[in-house]
Amino acid sequence: MPILAWHSIPSDCTTLERFREMKETGITHSFTSYPDADAMQRALDTAQAAGVKLIVSCPELEKEPEATVKRFMNHPATAGYFLRDEPNTESFAELGQWAKRIRATDDAHFCYLNLLPTYVSLEALKADSYRDYVHRFDQEVPLQLLSFDHYPVVGRMLRPDYYENLEIFSDEARLAGKPFWAFSLATAHDPYPIPDLAQMRLQMFSNLAYGAQGLQYFTYWTPGKNPNWNFHHGPIGLDGKRTDVYDKVTELNREIKALTGVFLGAKVLSVRHTGDTIPQGTTPLAELPASVKKLQTTGTGAVVSELQNGDNRFLVIVNRDFNDRMQLDIELDPSAKRILKDGSIVPASLYSSTLMVEPGDAVIYMLQ
């Protein structure tokens, strides 16, 4: 599973030790904007030695795309090419032409940019609806994958449109026949709190339940002082030292890596929600999946996702509450298996039919 560090190791901190430190968290891909192509080259060489791939980003990529792509396309650490962050529709035509120039030179590596979330106004998106915004992007900017950000945890609450964003974006990606990548916030900034494990689990497991094929953290390295955002307490702090978030990201990535066989390459069969009140834009669980005899939750409710991966069918249940545990009452066919956090597979019958699911956490079953 690709796991991308956004705003990663700064150019002036390009050392093998720093890249190895990032690799130890389970991060596989890194994105930093470099001041020039020579700095980009040094970073690629260093990342290769550490076993990390980079998304190319330097001024020359826009000024001289063909020459810059030819310089980096055969580097083992090249993952793709960064275009721009969070464009509105007025930029799509220009971005489409840029992407076509890059892909005409190198179509083996992806072009990448990140789209805006649903809580941005339609006036700012320059679109008739959020779905229109995503659809027009796919039509006008020919990228190999789609990516968006949405930071749902504000204070102790979850944004009401978070799951609606996942519904729309995952559906548009499916209609386009393209994989999508999604985010968890890893760096506090107003109005977002210091991320804890439950918050990041909720975001990453929700992304995966909706079929995400790449995961991203914003950010890895805490950005410098910014009067608008007050960035602080990222995995690597302003002083260049690890924070407790570094360890939480490492723990979560270890879980995700162990569950790669469930999620990487999976196709979504259905996503439903339980709870007295379900999130806007989502569908209630009205009919149980095959092999499931009973599924009930207490509290806020759960995401209930049915995935197909090869010959295997999985049931993923995510606690939508990052503050409190959720009681899950579930009865399955005797053949059902449970996928533990270390990736091991055991008979589901070894566990009680009543389980307590930790805040933001997921329970996963393999069904016949």
Protein backbone atom coordinates (compact mmCIF):
# COMPACT_ATOMS: atom_id res chain seq x y z
CA MET A 1 0.00 0.00 0.00
CA PRO A 2 1.56 3.34 -1.01
CA ILE A 3 1.83 5.64 2.01
CA LEU A 4 2.87 9.19 1.14
CA ALA A 5 4.41 11.80 3.42
CA TRP A 6 3.25 15.25 2.31
CA HIS A 7 5.56 18.20 3.03
CA SER A 8 8.28 15.75 3.84
CA ILE A 9 11.99 16.19 4.55
CA PRO A 10 13.08 19.75 3.62
CA SER A 11 15.66 20.14 0.90
CA ASP A 12 18.31 21.41 3.32
CA CYS A 13 17.82 18.29 5.49
CA THR A 14 18.39 15.79 2.68
CA THR A 15 20.44 13.12 4.44
CA LEU A 16 20.37 9.34 4.43
CA GLU A 17 19.68 9.37 8.17
CA ARG A 18 16.56 11.49 7.72
CA PHE A 19 15.22 9.34 4.90
CA ARG A 20 15.87 6.16 6.87
CA GLU A 21 14.10 7.71 9.85
CA MET A 22 11.06 8.35 7.67
CA LYS A 23 11.25 4.87 6.12
CA GLU A 24 11.11 3.39 9.63
CA THR A 25 7.59 4.79 10.08
CA GLY A 26 6.35 2.66 7.18
CA ILE A 27 6.13 5.58 4.77
CA THR A 28 6.90 4.47 1.22
CA HIS A 29 6.55 7.70 -0.79
CA SER A 30 7.63 11.27 -0.10
CA PHE A 31 6.67 14.66 -1.48
CA THR A 32 8.63 17.87 -0.97
CA SER A 33 8.94 20.84 -3.32
CA TYR A 34 12.63 21.27 -4.12
CA PRO A 35 14.23 24.61 -5.08
CA ASP A 36 15.83 23.30 -8.28
CA ALA A 37 16.48 20.16 -10.29
CA ASP A 38 19.90 19.58 -8.75
CA ALA A 39 18.36 19.49 -5.27
CA MET A 40 15.74 17.11 -6.66
CA GLN A 41 18.53 14.89 -7.99
CA ARG A 42 20.27 14.78 -4.61
CA ALA A 43 17.02 13.88 -2.89
CA LEU A 44 16.30 11.09 -5.37
CA ASP A 45 19.77 9.61 -4.89
CA THR A 46 19.40 9.75 -1.11
CA ALA A 47 15.87 8.35 -1.16
CA GLN A 48 16.98 5.45 -3.34
CA ALA A 49 19.59 4.48 -0.76
CA ALA A 50 16.88 4.49 1.93
CA GLY A 51 14.30 2.60 -0.12
CA VAL A 52 11.82 5.48 -0.48
CA LYS A 53 10.23 6.80 -3.68
CA LEU A 54 9.74 10.51 -4.41
CA ILE A 55 7.24 12.55 -6.35
CA VAL A 56 9.28 14.93 -8.48
CA SER A 57 8.63 18.62 -7.77
CA CYS A 58 10.93 21.43 -8.84
CA PRO A 59 10.49 24.65 -10.88
CA GLU A 60 12.09 23.09 -13.96
CA LEU A 61 9.27 20.54 -14.21
CA GLU A 62 6.89 23.33 -15.21
CA LYS A 63 9.37 25.45 -17.18
CA GLU A 64 10.98 22.59 -19.12
CA PRO A 65 8.76 19.54 -18.59
CA GLU A 66 10.15 17.31 -21.33
CA ALA A 67 13.81 17.87 -20.43
CA THR A 68 13.15 17.55 -16.70
CA VAL A 69 11.13 14.37 -17.11
CA LYS A 70 13.86 12.86 -19.30
CA ARG A 71 16.39 13.67 -16.57
CA PHE A 72 14.45 11.84 -13.84
CA MET A 73 12.25 9.26 -15.55
CA ASN A 74 14.78 6.43 -15.29
CA HIS A 75 15.78 7.11 -11.70
CA PRO A 76 14.80 4.15 -9.49
CA ALA A 77 13.41 6.48 -6.81
CA THR A 78 11.06 8.37 -9.14
CA ALA A 79 7.41 7.63 -8.36
CA GLY A 80 5.70 10.40 -10.31
CA TYR A 81 5.44 14.11 -11.06
CA PHE A 82 3.71 16.80 -9.01
CA LEU A 83 1.66 19.41 -10.82
CA ARG A 84 -0.17 21.67 -8.36
CA ASP A 85 -2.10 21.56 -5.12
CA GLU A 86 -5.84 22.14 -4.77
CA PRO A 87 -6.69 23.78 -8.12
CA ASN A 88 -10.14 25.05 -9.05
CA THR A 89 -11.73 24.42 -12.43
CA GLU A 90 -10.21 27.55 -13.98
CA SER A 91 -6.79 25.83 -13.90
CA PHE A 92 -7.91 22.53 -15.40
CA ALA A 93 -7.20 23.33 -19.05
CA GLU A 94 -3.65 24.50 -18.31
CA LEU A 95 -3.00 21.52 -16.02
CA GLY A 96 -4.35 19.15 -18.64
CA GLN A 97 -1.88 20.42 -21.22
CA TRP A 98 1.00 20.15 -18.75
CA ALA A 99 0.05 16.59 -17.83
CA LYS A 100 -0.17 15.61 -21.50
CA ARG A 101 3.35 16.94 -22.12
CA ILE A 102 4.72 14.93 -19.18
CA ARG A 103 2.87 11.76 -20.15
CA ALA A 104 3.99 12.03 -23.76
CA THR A 105 7.56 11.77 -22.46
CA ASP A 106 7.01 9.32 -19.60
CA ASP A 107 3.74 7.44 -19.19
CA ALA A 108 5.22 4.85 -16.85
CA HIS A 109 5.11 7.17 -13.82
CA PHE A 110 1.99 8.96 -12.63
CA CYS A 111 1.24 12.66 -12.65
CA TYR A 112 -0.14 13.80 -9.32
CA LEU A 113 -2.07 16.61 -7.77
CA ASN A 114 -4.50 16.93 -4.93
CA LEU A 115 -8.10 18.13 -5.19
CA LEU A 116 -10.08 20.26 -2.77
CA PRO A 117 -12.64 18.92 -0.25
CA THR A 118 -16.40 19.37 -0.06
CA TYR A 119 -16.21 22.06 2.62
CA VAL A 120 -14.71 24.49 0.12
CA SER A 121 -17.40 26.73 -1.38
CA LEU A 122 -18.69 26.16 -4.91
CA GLU A 123 -17.64 29.73 -5.66
CA ALA A 124 -14.05 28.82 -4.80
CA LEU A 125 -14.26 25.53 -6.72
CA LYS A 126 -15.73 27.36 -9.74
CA ALA A 127 -18.10 24.44 -10.23
CA ASP A 128 -21.83 23.74 -10.16
CA SER A 129 -21.41 21.02 -7.52
CA TYR A 130 -18.63 19.09 -5.85
CA ARG A 131 -19.33 16.09 -8.08
CA ASP A 132 -19.13 18.40 -11.10
CA TYR A 133 -15.73 19.63 -9.83
CA VAL A 134 -14.29 16.10 -9.55
CA HIS A 135 -15.85 14.90 -12.81
CA ARG A 136 -14.59 17.90 -14.78
CA PHE A 137 -11.11 17.40 -13.38
CA ASP A 138 -11.04 13.80 -14.54
CA GLN A 139 -12.31 14.81 -17.98
CA GLU A 140 -9.92 17.73 -18.47
CA VAL A 141 -6.75 16.63 -16.66
CA PRO A 142 -5.69 13.14 -17.79
CA LEU A 143 -4.06 11.72 -14.67
CA GLN A 144 -3.60 8.05 -13.81
CA LEU A 145 -4.96 8.44 -10.28
CA LEU A 146 -7.18 10.83 -8.32
CA SER A 147 -6.40 12.37 -4.92
CA PHE A 148 -8.22 14.67 -2.52
CA ASP A 149 -7.82 15.97 0.99
CA HIS A 150 -10.45 16.38 3.68
CA TYR A 151 -9.49 17.01 7.30
CA PRO A 152 -12.61 16.02 9.24
CA VAL A 153 -11.55 16.33 12.89
CA VAL A 154 -12.30 19.81 14.23
CA GLY A 155 -11.97 20.01 17.99
CA ARG A 156 -13.73 16.90 19.30
CA MET A 157 -16.21 16.78 16.42
CA LEU A 158 -16.26 15.24 12.95
CA ARG A 159 -17.20 17.42 10.00
CA PRO A 160 -20.74 16.49 8.88
CA ASP A 161 -19.74 16.23 5.19
CA TYR A 162 -16.71 13.95 5.64
CA TYR A 163 -18.35 10.72 4.53
CA GLU A 164 -20.31 12.48 1.80
CA ASN A 165 -16.94 13.56 0.39
CA LEU A 166 -15.73 9.96 0.45
CA GLU A 167 -18.99 8.81 -1.18
CA ILE A 168 -18.71 11.26 -4.07
CA PHE A 169 -14.98 10.96 -4.63
CA SER A 170 -14.85 7.17 -4.48
CA ASP A 171 -17.83 6.96 -6.84
CA GLU A 172 -16.26 9.32 -9.38
CA ALA A 173 -12.99 7.38 -9.20
CA ARG A 174 -14.90 4.14 -9.82
CA LEU A 175 -16.75 5.65 -12.79
CA ALA A 176 -13.43 6.88 -14.18
CA GLY A 177 -11.82 3.48 -13.66
CA LYS A 178 -8.99 5.04 -11.65
CA PRO A 179 -7.60 4.44 -8.16
CA PHE A 180 -7.91 7.19 -5.59
CA TRP A 181 -5.69 8.31 -2.73
CA ALA A 182 -6.86 10.06 0.44
CA PHE A 183 -5.45 11.68 3.58
CA SER A 184 -5.17 11.70 7.31
CA LEU A 185 -4.12 14.86 9.07
CA ALA A 186 -0.87 14.36 10.99
CA THR A 187 0.03 17.95 11.90
CA ALA A 188 -2.01 20.24 14.12
CA HIS A 189 -3.00 23.68 12.86
CA ASP A 190 -5.94 25.93 13.64
CA PRO A 191 -8.70 24.70 13.98
CA TYR A 192 -7.38 21.14 13.89
CA PRO A 193 -6.11 19.46 17.10
CA ILE A 194 -2.93 17.49 17.68
CA PRO A 195 -3.76 14.15 16.03
CA ASP A 196 -4.11 11.10 18.24
CA LEU A 197 -4.16 7.48 17.13
CA ALA A 198 -7.96 7.22 17.18
CA GLN A 199 -8.38 10.25 14.90
CA MET A 200 -5.84 8.98 12.38
CA ARG A 201 -7.23 5.44 12.50
CA LEU A 202 -10.71 6.73 11.75
CA GLN A 203 -9.45 8.65 8.73
CA MET A 204 -7.22 5.91 7.32
CA PHE A 205 -9.60 3.01 7.91
CA SER A 206 -12.51 5.04 6.51
CA ASN A 207 -10.43 5.81 3.42
CA LEU A 208 -9.63 2.12 3.03
CA ALA A 209 -13.24 1.08 3.62
CA TYR A 210 -14.21 3.28 0.67
CA GLY A 211 -11.57 1.66 -1.53
CA ALA A 212 -8.58 4.04 -1.32
CA GLN A 213 -5.49 2.58 -2.98
CA GLY A 214 -3.03 5.08 -1.55
CA LEU A 215 -2.82 6.83 1.81
CA GLN A 216 -1.27 10.19 2.65
CA TYR A 217 -0.28 12.17 5.73
CA PHE A 218 -0.45 15.95 5.88
CA THR A 219 2.23 16.68 6.93
CA TYR A 220 5.32 14.69 7.91
CA TRP A 221 7.64 17.59 8.74
CA THR A 222 5.97 20.45 10.58
CA PRO A 223 5.84 23.45 8.21
CA GLY A 224 7.54 26.66 9.27
CA LYS A 225 5.78 29.50 11.01
CA ASN A 226 2.63 30.53 9.16
CA PRO A 227 0.40 33.34 10.46
CA ASN A 228 -2.69 31.79 8.87
CA TRP A 229 -2.37 28.22 10.11
CA ASN A 230 -0.16 27.98 13.21
CA PHE A 231 1.30 24.60 12.24
CA HIS A 232 2.68 22.60 15.14
CA HIS A 233 3.24 19.10 16.45
CA GLY A 234 3.68 17.15 13.23
CA PRO A 235 5.51 13.80 13.29
CA ILE A 236 8.75 15.79 13.01
CA GLY A 237 8.53 19.05 14.92
CA LEU A 238 9.73 22.53 14.04
CA ASP A 239 12.97 21.72 15.86
CA GLY A 240 13.58 18.71 13.64
CA LYS A 241 12.97 16.24 16.46
CA ARG A 242 10.37 13.48 16.61
CA THR A 243 7.11 14.11 18.42
CA ASP A 244 4.73 11.52 19.86
CA VAL A 245 2.81 11.74 16.56
CA TYR A 246 5.81 10.11 14.85
CA ASP A 247 5.30 7.02 17.01
CA LYS A 248 1.54 7.02 16.41
CA VAL A 249 2.04 7.20 12.64
CA THR A 250 4.53 4.33 12.90
CA GLU A 251 2.04 2.21 14.85
CA LEU A 252 -0.79 2.90 12.42
CA ASN A 253 1.36 2.23 9.37
CA ARG A 254 2.40 -1.10 10.87
CA GLU A 255 -1.28 -2.06 11.09
CA ILE A 256 -1.98 -0.89 7.54
CA LYS A 257 0.99 -2.79 6.11
CA ALA A 258 -0.14 -5.99 7.83
CA LEU A 259 -3.59 -5.56 6.25
CA THR A 260 -2.32 -4.92 2.71
CA GLY A 261 -3.79 -8.23 1.55
CA VAL A 262 -7.25 -6.97 2.49
CA PHE A 263 -7.13 -3.50 0.98
CA LEU A 264 -4.57 -3.23 -1.83
CA GLY A 265 -6.32 -4.11 -5.07
CA ALA A 266 -9.72 -4.40 -3.39
CA LYS A 267 -12.95 -3.45 -5.14
CA VAL A 268 -15.82 -1.98 -3.15
CA LEU A 269 -19.03 -4.00 -3.30
CA SER A 270 -20.96 -1.72 -0.95
CA VAL A 271 -20.50 0.85 1.80
CA ARG A 272 -23.29 1.36 4.31
CA HIS A 273 -23.64 3.06 7.70
CA THR A 274 -25.22 2.13 11.02
CA GLY A 275 -26.39 4.42 13.80
CA ASP A 276 -29.48 6.29 14.93
CA THR A 277 -28.30 9.10 12.66
CA ILE A 278 -26.10 8.40 9.66
CA PRO A 279 -23.77 10.94 8.00
CA GLN A 280 -25.19 13.14 5.27
CA GLY A 281 -24.92 11.75 1.76
CA THR A 282 -24.54 8.13 2.91
CA THR A 283 -26.77 5.04 2.82
CA PRO A 284 -28.06 3.15 5.88
CA LEU A 285 -27.35 -0.54 6.35
CA ALA A 286 -30.78 -1.93 5.45
CA GLU A 287 -29.76 -5.39 4.22
CA LEU A 288 -27.01 -7.55 5.70
CA PRO A 289 -24.25 -8.86 3.43
CA ALA A 290 -24.30 -12.56 2.58
CA SER A 291 -22.92 -14.73 5.42
CA VAL A 292 -23.82 -12.07 8.01
CA LYS A 293 -26.75 -13.07 10.22
CA LYS A 294 -26.69 -10.11 12.61
CA LEU A 295 -24.85 -6.78 12.77
CA GLN A 296 -25.76 -4.14 15.33
CA THR A 297 -23.79 -1.28 16.84
CA THR A 298 -24.24 1.10 19.73
CA GLY A 299 -23.26 4.74 20.00
CA THR A 300 -22.43 6.91 17.01
CA GLY A 301 -22.42 4.00 14.57
CA ALA A 302 -20.13 2.39 12.05
CA VAL A 303 -18.99 2.31 8.45
CA VAL A 304 -19.83 -1.16 7.09
CA SER A 305 -17.87 -1.91 3.93
CA GLU A 306 -17.94 -5.05 1.82
CA LEU A 307 -14.82 -5.53 -0.32
CA GLN A 308 -13.79 -8.07 -2.93
CA ASN A 309 -10.08 -8.78 -3.32
CA GLY A 310 -9.31 -11.62 -5.69
CA ASP A 311 -11.24 -14.66 -4.53
CA ASN A 312 -11.76 -13.23 -1.04
CA ARG A 313 -14.67 -11.19 0.29
CA PHE A 314 -14.07 -8.97 3.32
CA LEU A 315 -16.32 -7.16 5.77
CA VAL A 316 -14.76 -4.01 7.24
CA ILE A 317 -16.49 -2.32 10.19
CA VAL A 318 -15.10 1.06 11.28
CA ASN A 319 -16.13 2.83 14.48
CA ARG A 320 -17.16 6.33 13.32
CA ASP A 321 -16.51 7.75 16.80
CA PHE A 322 -12.94 8.78 17.61
CA ASN A 323 -13.86 9.64 21.20
CA ASP A 324 -15.65 6.52 22.49
CA ARG A 325 -15.65 2.78 22.08
CA MET A 326 -18.45 1.11 20.12
CA GLN A 327 -20.22 -2.12 20.97
CA LEU A 328 -20.52 -4.45 17.99
CA ASP A 329 -22.93 -7.39 18.08
CA ILE A 330 -22.27 -9.65 15.13
CA GLU A 331 -23.23 -13.17 14.07
CA LEU A 332 -21.60 -14.79 11.04
CA ASP A 333 -21.64 -18.08 9.19
CA PRO A 334 -19.41 -20.70 10.89
CA SER A 335 -16.95 -20.47 7.98
CA ALA A 336 -16.16 -16.78 8.63
CA LYS A 337 -12.63 -15.76 9.57
CA ARG A 338 -11.37 -12.76 11.48
CA ILE A 339 -8.39 -10.77 10.21
CA LEU A 340 -6.33 -9.58 13.16
CA LYS A 341 -4.30 -6.36 13.19
CA ASP A 342 -1.08 -8.27 12.49
CA GLY A 343 -2.67 -9.73 9.35
CA SER A 344 -3.12 -13.21 10.78
CA ILE A 345 -6.33 -15.09 10.00
CA VAL A 346 -8.25 -16.98 12.69
CA PRO A 347 -11.76 -18.47 12.92
CA ALA A 348 -14.24 -15.72 13.81
CA SER A 349 -15.89 -18.23 16.14
CA LEU A 350 -12.94 -17.91 18.53
CA TYR A 351 -14.27 -14.47 19.48
CA SER A 352 -17.42 -13.45 21.28
CA SER A 353 -20.35 -12.24 19.20
CA THR A 354 -20.17 -9.01 21.25
CA LEU A 355 -17.02 -6.96 20.80
CA MET A 356 -15.89 -3.51 21.94
CA VAL A 357 -14.31 -1.60 19.06
CA GLU A 358 -11.83 1.07 20.09
CA PRO A 359 -12.38 4.69 18.97
CA GLY A 360 -11.82 5.07 15.23
CA ASP A 361 -10.71 1.46 14.93
CA ALA A 362 -11.72 -1.28 12.50
CA VAL A 363 -12.76 -4.92 12.79
CA ILE A 364 -12.26 -7.05 9.69
CA TYR A 365 -13.73 -10.40 8.67
CA MET A 366 -13.22 -12.71 5.71
CA LEU A 367 -16.49 -14.16 4.44
CA GLN A 368 -17.29 -17.12 2.20
